[in-house]
Amino acid sequence: MELRKKHPWAADHHRIGTASARGECTWAAPCARPAAWSVLVGSAGGDSWWAACAAHATASAVLSPDAAN
């Protein structure tokens, strides 16, 4: 998985009707914390938008690669 974009959370980055569009953290679901970031990640299956709370974004080596070094 590779981080392509990271923006403050905004519903327009996510498909209508999804948990991430409602502002729910989908990075490590289930997660009760609200989304702080909209992140576009790439993998072998293609690119996809996820919503991440501040805690998961900070803890993730994918979403915060500088923190992992």
Protein backbone atom coordinates (compact mmCIF):
# COMPACT_ATOMS: atom_id res chain seq x y z
CA MET A 1 0.00 0.00 0.00
CA GLU A 2 1.28 3.45 -0.89
CA LEU A 3 0.01 6.85 0.18
CA ARG A 4 -0.92 8.96 -2.86
CA LYS A 5 -2.76 11.92 -1.24
CA LYS A 6 -3.62 13.04 2.28
CA HIS A 7 -6.09 15.89 2.85
CA PRO A 8 -8.12 17.09 5.81
CA TRP A 9 -11.30 15.01 5.75
CA ALA A 10 -13.92 16.13 3.20
CA ALA A 11 -17.00 14.17 2.15
CA ASP A 12 -16.47 14.98 -1.54
CA HIS A 13 -13.46 12.62 -1.64
CA HIS A 14 -15.68 9.64 -0.75
CA ARG A 15 -18.49 7.77 -2.47
CA ILE A 16 -21.94 8.92 -1.34
CA GLY A 17 -23.55 6.68 1.26
CA THR A 18 -20.32 5.16 2.56
CA ALA A 19 -19.04 5.24 6.14
CA SER A 20 -16.09 7.34 5.03
CA ALA A 21 -18.44 9.89 3.41
CA ARG A 22 -20.31 10.11 6.73
CA GLY A 23 -17.04 11.03 8.47
CA GLU A 24 -16.38 7.67 10.10
CA CYS A 25 -12.84 6.33 10.38
CA THR A 26 -12.58 3.43 7.94
CA TRP A 27 -8.83 2.92 8.13
CA ALA A 28 -9.03 0.46 11.02
CA ALA A 29 -12.75 -0.29 11.15
CA PRO A 30 -14.54 -0.57 13.41
CA CYS A 31 -13.38 2.72 14.94
CA ALA A 32 -15.61 5.06 16.94
CA ARG A 33 -13.46 8.16 16.34
CA PRO A 34 -14.41 10.69 13.66
CA ALA A 35 -12.37 10.99 10.48
CA ALA A 36 -9.71 13.69 10.44
CA TRP A 37 -8.15 12.80 7.08
CA SER A 38 -9.22 11.74 3.61
CA VAL A 39 -6.45 9.55 2.22
CA LEU A 40 -5.97 8.13 -1.24
CA VAL A 41 -3.91 4.95 -1.17
CA GLY A 42 -2.72 2.78 -4.00
CA SER A 43 -2.30 -0.98 -4.02
CA ALA A 44 -2.17 -3.81 -6.52
CA GLY A 45 -5.97 -3.60 -6.72
CA GLY A 46 -5.94 0.11 -7.63
CA ASP A 47 -6.41 3.41 -5.85
CA SER A 48 -9.07 3.99 -3.20
CA TRP A 49 -10.11 6.73 -0.78
CA TRP A 50 -10.28 5.97 2.95
CA ALA A 51 -11.15 8.09 5.97
CA ALA A 52 -8.75 8.03 8.91
CA CYS A 53 -9.06 9.40 12.42
CA ALA A 54 -6.11 11.35 13.79
CA ALA A 55 -4.95 8.44 15.98
CA HIS A 56 -4.89 5.89 13.14
CA ALA A 57 -3.27 8.33 10.74
CA THR A 58 -0.47 9.00 13.21
CA ALA A 59 0.04 5.32 14.06
CA SER A 60 0.03 4.09 10.44
CA ALA A 61 3.35 3.77 8.63
CA VAL A 62 1.42 4.14 5.36
CA LEU A 63 -0.36 7.36 6.32
CA SER A 64 2.50 8.94 8.28
CA PRO A 65 5.66 7.55 6.66
CA ASP A 66 7.90 10.23 8.20
CA ALA A 67 6.87 9.13 11.70
CA ALA A 68 7.99 5.57 10.93
CA ASN A 69 11.58 6.68 10.23
